[in-house]
C-alpha atoms as a PDB file:
ATOM      1  CA  MET A   1     107.025  96.059  95.392  1.00  0.00           C
ATOM      2  CA  ASN A   2     108.353  97.091  98.809  1.00  0.00           C
ATOM      3  CA  ILE A   3     106.556  95.178 101.566  1.00  0.00           C
ATOM      4  CA  LEU A   4     106.931  95.512 105.340  1.00  0.00           C
ATOM      5  CA  PHE A   5     106.089  92.516 107.515  1.00  0.00           C
ATOM      6  CA  PHE A   6     105.314  94.249 110.807  1.00  0.00           C
ATOM      7  CA  SER A   7     104.941  91.810 113.694  1.00  0.00           C
ATOM      8  CA  ALA A   8     106.212  90.600 117.047  1.00  0.00           C
ATOM      9  CA  THR A   9     105.689  87.106 115.586  1.00  0.00           C
ATOM     10  CA  ALA A  10     109.039  87.399 113.822  1.00  0.00           C
ATOM     11  CA  ASN A  11     110.707  87.423 117.244  1.00  0.00           C
ATOM     12  CA  SER A  12     109.056  84.159 118.310  1.00  0.00           C
ATOM     13  CA  ARG A  13     110.918  80.851 118.414  1.00  0.00           C
ATOM     14  CA  TYR A  14     107.823  78.728 117.938  1.00  0.00           C
ATOM     15  CA  GLY A  15     104.324  78.900 116.528  1.00  0.00           C
ATOM     16  CA  GLY A  16     102.449  77.982 113.387  1.00  0.00           C
ATOM     17  CA  VAL A  17     102.001  81.616 112.359  1.00  0.00           C
ATOM     18  CA  THR A  18     105.763  82.150 112.644  1.00  0.00           C
ATOM     19  CA  GLY A  19     106.505  79.319 110.223  1.00  0.00           C
ATOM     20  CA  TRP A  20     103.762  80.467 107.860  1.00  0.00           C
ATOM     21  CA  ALA A  21     105.116  84.023 107.866  1.00  0.00           C
ATOM     22  CA  ARG A  22     108.640  82.846 107.076  1.00  0.00           C
ATOM     23  CA  ARG A  23     107.458  80.798 104.110  1.00  0.00           C
ATOM     24  CA  LEU A  24     105.293  83.661 102.864  1.00  0.00           C
ATOM     25  CA  THR A  25     108.193  86.115 103.161  1.00  0.00           C
ATOM     26  CA  ALA A  26     110.529  83.763 101.279  1.00  0.00           C
ATOM     27  CA  ALA A  27     107.933  83.162  98.552  1.00  0.00           C
ATOM     28  CA  LEU A  28     107.343  86.879  98.020  1.00  0.00           C
ATOM     29  CA  ARG A  29     111.068  87.502  97.787  1.00  0.00           C
ATOM     30  CA  GLY A  30     111.347  84.612  95.362  1.00  0.00           C
ATOM     31  CA  ILE A  31     109.057  86.357  92.872  1.00  0.00           C
ATOM     32  CA  GLY A  32     110.960  89.622  93.076  1.00  0.00           C
ATOM     33  CA  HIS A  33     109.430  91.643  95.928  1.00  0.00           C
ATOM     34  CA  ASN A  34     111.508  93.440  98.554  1.00  0.00           C
ATOM     35  CA  VAL A  35     110.155  92.201 101.877  1.00  0.00           C
ATOM     36  CA  HIS A  36     111.377  93.982 104.999  1.00  0.00           C
ATOM     37  CA  VAL A  37     110.748  92.358 108.374  1.00  0.00           C
ATOM     38  CA  LEU A  38     110.362  94.520 111.478  1.00  0.00           C
ATOM     39  CA  THR A  39     110.092  92.979 114.922  1.00  0.00           C
ATOM     40  CA  TRP A  40     110.849  94.074 118.463  1.00  0.00           C
ATOM     41  CA  GLY A  41     111.849  92.786 121.887  1.00  0.00           C
ATOM     42  CA  THR A  42     114.756  92.688 124.312  1.00  0.00           C
ATOM     43  CA  THR A  43     116.770  90.055 122.431  1.00  0.00           C
ATOM     44  CA  ALA A  44     116.599  89.337 118.718  1.00  0.00           C
ATOM     45  CA  VAL A  45     115.865  85.691 117.907  1.00  0.00           C
ATOM     46  CA  ASP A  46     117.066  83.869 114.781  1.00  0.00           C
ATOM     47  CA  ALA A  47     117.487  86.961 112.614  1.00  0.00           C
ATOM     48  CA  GLN A  48     119.188  84.954 109.846  1.00  0.00           C
ATOM     49  CA  ALA A  49     116.009  82.944 109.265  1.00  0.00           C
ATOM     50  CA  TRP A  50     114.326  86.100 107.956  1.00  0.00           C
ATOM     51  CA  GLY A  51     116.997  87.085 105.433  1.00  0.00           C
ATOM     52  CA  THR A  52     118.871  90.299 104.820  1.00  0.00           C
ATOM     53  CA  LEU A  53     116.071  92.862 105.136  1.00  0.00           C
ATOM     54  CA  PHE A  54     115.567  92.193 108.844  1.00  0.00           C
ATOM     55  CA  HIS A  55     115.088  95.086 111.274  1.00  0.00           C
ATOM     56  CA  PHE A  56     114.988  94.806 115.047  1.00  0.00           C
ATOM     57  CA  GLN A  57     113.743  97.427 117.518  1.00  0.00           C
ATOM     58  CA  ARG A  58     115.336  96.766 120.881  1.00  0.00           C
ATOM     59  CA  LEU A  59     113.092  97.498 123.870  1.00  0.00           C
ATOM     60  CA  ASP A  60     114.164  98.545 127.350  1.00  0.00           C
ATOM     61  CA  PRO A  61     113.556  95.612 129.757  1.00  0.00           C
ATOM     62  CA  ARG A  62     113.176  98.046 132.662  1.00  0.00           C
ATOM     63  CA  ILE A  63     110.121  99.629 131.049  1.00  0.00           C
ATOM     64  CA  LEU A  64     108.748  96.208 130.093  1.00  0.00           C
ATOM     65  CA  ALA A  65     108.662  95.351 133.801  1.00  0.00           C
ATOM     66  CA  LEU A  66     106.058  98.067 134.423  1.00  0.00           C
ATOM     67  CA  PRO A  67     102.393  96.930 134.184  1.00  0.00           C
ATOM     68  CA  VAL A  68     100.182  98.726 131.648  1.00  0.00           C
ATOM     69  CA  ILE A  69     103.002 101.089 130.658  1.00  0.00           C
ATOM     70  CA  ARG A  70     104.826  98.246 128.944  1.00  0.00           C
ATOM     71  CA  PHE A  71     101.914  97.704 126.548  1.00  0.00           C
ATOM     72  CA  TRP A  72     101.881 101.293 125.316  1.00  0.00           C
ATOM     73  CA  TYR A  73     105.665 101.519 125.281  1.00  0.00           C
ATOM     74  CA  THR A  74     105.985  98.347 123.191  1.00  0.00           C
ATOM     75  CA  TYR A  75     103.574  99.298 120.437  1.00  0.00           C
ATOM     76  CA  LEU A  76     104.430 102.989 120.304  1.00  0.00           C
ATOM     77  CA  ALA A  77     108.128 102.079 119.957  1.00  0.00           C
ATOM     78  CA  ALA A  78     107.247  99.614 117.194  1.00  0.00           C
ATOM     79  CA  ALA A  79     105.147 102.238 115.418  1.00  0.00           C
ATOM     80  CA  GLN A  80     107.993 104.742 115.558  1.00  0.00           C
ATOM     81  CA  ALA A  81     110.445 102.211 114.119  1.00  0.00           C
ATOM     82  CA  GLY A  82     107.942 101.334 111.406  1.00  0.00           C
ATOM     83  CA  ARG A  83     107.499 104.962 110.451  1.00  0.00           C
ATOM     84  CA  ARG A  84     111.263 105.352 109.979  1.00  0.00           C
ATOM     85  CA  LEU A  85     111.439 102.241 107.801  1.00  0.00           C
ATOM     86  CA  MET A  86     108.535 103.394 105.660  1.00  0.00           C
ATOM     87  CA  ALA A  87     110.240 106.711 105.003  1.00  0.00           C
ATOM     88  CA  GLU A  88     113.603 105.108 104.208  1.00  0.00           C
ATOM     89  CA  HIS A  89     112.417 102.294 101.955  1.00  0.00           C
ATOM     90  CA  ASP A  90     109.239 103.612 100.278  1.00  0.00           C
ATOM     91  CA  ILE A  91     107.047 100.835 101.724  1.00  0.00           C
ATOM     92  CA  GLN A  92     103.940 100.187  99.621  1.00  0.00           C
ATOM     93  CA  VAL A  93     102.263  97.391 101.621  1.00  0.00           C
ATOM     94  CA  ILE A  94     102.337  96.676 105.373  1.00  0.00           C
ATOM     95  CA  HIS A  95     101.377  93.215 106.606  1.00  0.00           C
ATOM     96  CA  ALA A  96     100.469  92.447 110.236  1.00  0.00           C
ATOM     97  CA  VAL A  97      99.174  89.217 111.781  1.00  0.00           C
ATOM     98  CA  ASN A  98      97.898  90.421 115.147  1.00  0.00           C
ATOM     99  CA  PRO A  99      95.282  93.093 115.975  1.00  0.00           C
ATOM    100  CA  TYR A 100      97.623  95.034 118.270  1.00  0.00           C
ATOM    101  CA  ASP A 101     100.444  94.817 115.728  1.00  0.00           C
ATOM    102  CA  GLY A 102      97.929  96.038 113.170  1.00  0.00           C
ATOM    103  CA  TRP A 103      96.999  98.999 115.362  1.00  0.00           C
ATOM    104  CA  ALA A 104     100.672  99.961 115.745  1.00  0.00           C
ATOM    105  CA  ALA A 105     101.168  99.505 111.987  1.00  0.00           C
ATOM    106  CA  SER A 106      98.310 101.932 111.342  1.00  0.00           C
ATOM    107  CA  LEU A 107     100.123 104.479 113.517  1.00  0.00           C
ATOM    108  CA  ALA A 108     103.333 103.866 111.579  1.00  0.00           C
ATOM    109  CA  ARG A 109     101.521 104.450 108.296  1.00  0.00           C
ATOM    110  CA  GLY A 110      99.807 107.615 109.486  1.00  0.00           C
ATOM    111  CA  SER A 111      98.376 109.455 106.506  1.00  0.00           C
ATOM    112  CA  GLY A 112     100.655 107.637 104.062  1.00  0.00           C
ATOM    113  CA  ARG A 113      99.389 105.725 101.041  1.00  0.00           C
ATOM    114  CA  ALA A 114     100.798 102.298 101.911  1.00  0.00           C
ATOM    115  CA  GLY A 115      98.189  99.541 101.974  1.00  0.00           C
ATOM    116  CA  LEU A 116      97.682  97.777 105.310  1.00  0.00           C
ATOM    117  CA  VAL A 117      96.761  94.074 105.383  1.00  0.00           C
ATOM    118  CA  LEU A 118      95.780  92.397 108.660  1.00  0.00           C
ATOM    119  CA  SER A 119      95.819  88.578 108.583  1.00  0.00           C
ATOM    120  CA  ILE A 120      94.217  86.607 111.414  1.00  0.00           C
ATOM    121  CA  HIS A 121      94.964  82.877 111.714  1.00  0.00           C
ATOM    122  CA  GLY A 122      93.731  82.047 115.201  1.00  0.00           C
ATOM    123  CA  ASP A 123      90.605  82.500 117.293  1.00  0.00           C
ATOM    124  CA  PHE A 124      92.255  84.942 119.694  1.00  0.00           C
ATOM    125  CA  PRO A 125      88.978  86.013 121.408  1.00  0.00           C
ATOM    126  CA  THR A 126      88.349  82.440 122.571  1.00  0.00           C
ATOM    127  CA  GLU A 127      91.950  81.922 123.655  1.00  0.00           C
ATOM    128  CA  GLN A 128      92.019  85.141 125.656  1.00  0.00           C
ATOM    129  CA  HIS A 129      88.690  84.455 127.330  1.00  0.00           C
ATOM    130  CA  GLN A 130      90.021  81.255 128.893  1.00  0.00           C
ATOM    131  CA  ARG A 131      92.085  83.218 131.439  1.00  0.00           C
ATOM    132  CA  TRP A 132      90.544  85.870 133.659  1.00  0.00           C
ATOM    133  CA  LYS A 133      93.585  88.166 133.336  1.00  0.00           C
ATOM    134  CA  SER A 134      93.370  87.998 129.558  1.00  0.00           C
ATOM    135  CA  ARG A 135      89.613  88.627 129.639  1.00  0.00           C
ATOM    136  CA  TRP A 136      90.020  91.859 131.585  1.00  0.00           C
ATOM    137  CA  ARG A 137      93.011  92.906 129.471  1.00  0.00           C
ATOM    138  CA  ARG A 138      91.057  92.375 126.259  1.00  0.00           C
ATOM    139  CA  ARG A 139      88.119  94.423 127.563  1.00  0.00           C
ATOM    140  CA  ALA A 140      90.512  97.284 128.289  1.00  0.00           C
ATOM    141  CA  TYR A 141      92.119  97.151 124.853  1.00  0.00           C
ATOM    142  CA  LEU A 142      89.064  96.224 122.779  1.00  0.00           C
ATOM    143  CA  PRO A 143      88.872  99.774 121.301  1.00  0.00           C
ATOM    144  CA  LEU A 144      92.393  99.256 119.918  1.00  0.00           C
ATOM    145  CA  GLU A 145      91.344  95.967 118.320  1.00  0.00           C
ATOM    146  CA  ARG A 146      88.379  97.635 116.654  1.00  0.00           C
ATOM    147  CA  ALA A 147      90.585 100.497 115.492  1.00  0.00           C
ATOM    148  CA  ALA A 148      93.074  98.031 113.989  1.00  0.00           C
ATOM    149  CA  PHE A 149      90.402  96.257 111.931  1.00  0.00           C
ATOM    150  CA  ARG A 150      88.828  99.498 110.779  1.00  0.00           C
ATOM    151  CA  ARG A 151      92.068 101.272 109.910  1.00  0.00           C
ATOM    152  CA  CYS A 152      93.432  98.486 107.735  1.00  0.00           C
ATOM    153  CA  ASP A 153      92.541  98.180 104.049  1.00  0.00           C
ATOM    154  CA  VAL A 154      91.719  94.468 104.024  1.00  0.00           C
ATOM    155  CA  VAL A 155      91.414  91.640 106.549  1.00  0.00           C
ATOM    156  CA  THR A 156      92.276  88.050 105.673  1.00  0.00           C
ATOM    157  CA  THR A 157      91.206  85.054 107.741  1.00  0.00           C
ATOM    158  CA  SER A 158      92.126  81.399 107.399  1.00  0.00           C
ATOM    159  CA  SER A 159      88.493  80.214 107.323  1.00  0.00           C
ATOM    160  CA  ALA A 160      84.965  81.442 106.692  1.00  0.00           C
ATOM    161  CA  TRP A 161      84.094  80.419 110.259  1.00  0.00           C
ATOM    162  CA  LEU A 162      86.801  82.715 111.645  1.00  0.00           C
ATOM    163  CA  GLN A 163      85.635  85.555 109.413  1.00  0.00           C
ATOM    164  CA  GLY A 164      82.127  85.181 110.824  1.00  0.00           C
ATOM    165  CA  ARG A 165      83.517  84.933 114.352  1.00  0.00           C
ATOM    166  CA  LEU A 166      85.221  88.303 113.910  1.00  0.00           C
ATOM    167  CA  SER A 167      82.548  89.993 111.803  1.00  0.00           C
ATOM    168  CA  GLY A 168      81.469  92.272 114.640  1.00  0.00           C
ATOM    169  CA  ILE A 169      85.008  93.627 114.997  1.00  0.00           C
ATOM    170  CA  ILE A 170      85.867  93.682 111.290  1.00  0.00           C
ATOM    171  CA  GLY A 171      82.902  95.901 110.539  1.00  0.00           C
ATOM    172  CA  ARG A 172      82.799  97.238 106.977  1.00  0.00           C
ATOM    173  CA  THR A 173      86.453  96.591 106.193  1.00  0.00           C
ATOM    174  CA  PRO A 174      86.784  94.261 103.165  1.00  0.00           C
ATOM    175  CA  ALA A 175      87.478  90.712 104.338  1.00  0.00           C
ATOM    176  CA  VAL A 176      88.870  87.788 102.340  1.00  0.00           C
ATOM    177  CA  VAL A 177      89.191  84.107 103.268  1.00  0.00           C
ATOM    178  CA  ILE A 178      92.588  82.586 102.390  1.00  0.00           C
ATOM    179  CA  PRO A 179      92.727  78.978 103.669  1.00  0.00           C
ATOM    180  CA  ASN A 180      95.964  77.586 105.024  1.00  0.00           C
ATOM    181  CA  GLY A 181      97.893  75.658 102.396  1.00  0.00           C
ATOM    182  CA  ILE A 182      98.275  71.890 102.314  1.00  0.00           C
ATOM    183  CA  VAL A 183     101.923  70.859 102.300  1.00  0.00           C
ATOM    184  CA  GLU A 184     103.078  67.372 101.323  1.00  0.00           C
ATOM    185  CA  PRO A 185     106.327  66.710 103.236  1.00  0.00           C
ATOM    186  CA  PRO A 186     109.202  65.414 101.075  1.00  0.00           C
ATOM    187  CA  GLU A 187     110.444  61.890 101.658  1.00  0.00           C
ATOM    188  CA  SER A 188     113.702  63.344 102.949  1.00  0.00           C
ATOM    189  CA  SER A 189     111.912  65.153 105.779  1.00  0.00           C
ATOM    190  CA  GLY A 190     112.158  62.165 108.092  1.00  0.00           C
ATOM    191  CA  MET A 191     108.412  62.086 108.753  1.00  0.00           C
ATOM    192  CA  PRO A 192     106.976  58.553 108.920  1.00  0.00           C
ATOM    193  CA  GLY A 193     105.031  57.298 105.937  1.00  0.00           C
ATOM    194  CA  ARG A 194     101.796  55.295 105.796  1.00  0.00           C
ATOM    195  CA  SER A 195     103.602  51.951 105.889  1.00  0.00           C
ATOM    196  CA  GLN A 196     105.537  52.904 109.019  1.00  0.00           C
ATOM    197  CA  LEU A 197     102.308  54.015 110.702  1.00  0.00           C
ATOM    198  CA  LEU A 198     100.597  50.771 109.610  1.00  0.00           C
ATOM    199  CA  LEU A 199      97.890  52.740 107.783  1.00  0.00           C
ATOM    200  CA  GLU A 200      96.074  51.614 104.676  1.00  0.00           C
ATOM    201  CA  GLU A 201      96.816  53.524 101.476  1.00  0.00           C
ATOM    202  CA  THR A 202      93.191  54.650 101.151  1.00  0.00           C
ATOM    203  CA  ARG A 203      92.682  55.608 104.799  1.00  0.00           C
ATOM    204  CA  PRO A 204      92.513  59.401 105.268  1.00  0.00           C
ATOM    205  CA  ILE A 205      95.025  60.974 107.639  1.00  0.00           C
ATOM    206  CA  LEU A 206      94.223  64.049 109.713  1.00  0.00           C
ATOM    207  CA  LEU A 207      97.217  65.676 111.385  1.00  0.00           C
ATOM    208  CA  THR A 208      96.887  68.386 114.016  1.00  0.00           C
ATOM    209  CA  LEU A 209      99.651  70.067 116.026  1.00  0.00           C
ATOM    210  CA  ASN A 210      98.516  71.531 119.325  1.00  0.00           C
ATOM    211  CA  ASN A 211      99.690  72.818 122.646  1.00  0.00           C
ATOM    212  CA  LEU A 212      98.103  70.314 125.039  1.00  0.00           C
ATOM    213  CA  TYR A 213      99.829  71.223 128.288  1.00  0.00           C
ATOM    214  CA  THR A 214      98.630  74.820 128.746  1.00  0.00           C
ATOM    215  CA  PHE A 215      94.872  74.943 129.282  1.00  0.00           C
ATOM    216  CA  HIS A 216      94.291  78.355 127.717  1.00  0.00           C
ATOM    217  CA  ARG A 217      96.121  77.369 124.518  1.00  0.00           C
ATOM    218  CA  ARG A 218      94.353  74.084 123.791  1.00  0.00           C
ATOM    219  CA  GLN A 219      93.058  74.626 120.299  1.00  0.00           C
ATOM    220  CA  GLY A 220      89.847  72.673 120.086  1.00  0.00           C
ATOM    221  CA  VAL A 221      91.073  69.057 119.912  1.00  0.00           C
ATOM    222  CA  LYS A 222      87.812  67.767 121.394  1.00  0.00           C
ATOM    223  CA  LEU A 223      85.889  69.783 118.810  1.00  0.00           C
ATOM    224  CA  LEU A 224      88.065  68.361 116.038  1.00  0.00           C
ATOM    225  CA  ILE A 225      87.418  64.785 117.192  1.00  0.00           C
ATOM    226  CA  ALA A 226      83.671  65.445 117.385  1.00  0.00           C
ATOM    227  CA  ALA A 227      83.732  66.933 113.861  1.00  0.00           C
ATOM    228  CA  ALA A 228      85.730  64.049 112.348  1.00  0.00           C
ATOM    229  CA  PRO A 229      82.679  62.046 111.145  1.00  0.00           C
ATOM    230  CA  ALA A 230      81.253  65.107 109.338  1.00  0.00           C
ATOM    231  CA  ILE A 231      84.674  65.849 107.809  1.00  0.00           C
ATOM    232  CA  LEU A 232      84.996  62.307 106.469  1.00  0.00           C
ATOM    233  CA  GLU A 233      81.443  62.361 105.123  1.00  0.00           C
ATOM    234  CA  ARG A 234      82.020  65.633 103.251  1.00  0.00           C
ATOM    235  CA  PHE A 235      85.554  64.908 101.986  1.00  0.00           C
END
């Protein structure tokens, strides 16, 4: 199968979704699929990490300096690049992990038969509503978000809670919950073990990685701590 991973995430140095997407891409290639990766920006970042089928759409930094115009320029340029790739490589499935990427991917597909999957891993409405600039920006582009969810063929979320959170935007589009995987780090990874952390063998460990220094990106640590007793009681 010919798959196109269509996302600005591939041009990001950091982020949990970036690491997840790389592992997913490698796994799909490992079972015989041709996975193309399309990303965009002014400077390509770590192209080798994505393998041979990596495509980069370079954007003009002068246009990116223009408010409002840069948004439309970015996603229309990405859609145009995606359309070329789909024609050249007979893409059968497009995968996006952001509503705006998904909207641009739907433009790239046009009236084609390729399936479009939109995967959401974070509570972006809450994150964007923590900054007034993001709140106003999201209100302006909310029709594009709704169009992205309605134009795709299936939406996947990492939890049932997130699916319910987005139900008003998802509408009648089929939605599937695919929880994040649990990875046991190998002993060679250098991560400390229970004995080094002075933890009992039977004591449960809950690990969370968060951005704690930027207020609008704090991902619910207080909520996680408050939920810990219920988590331990259930599991």
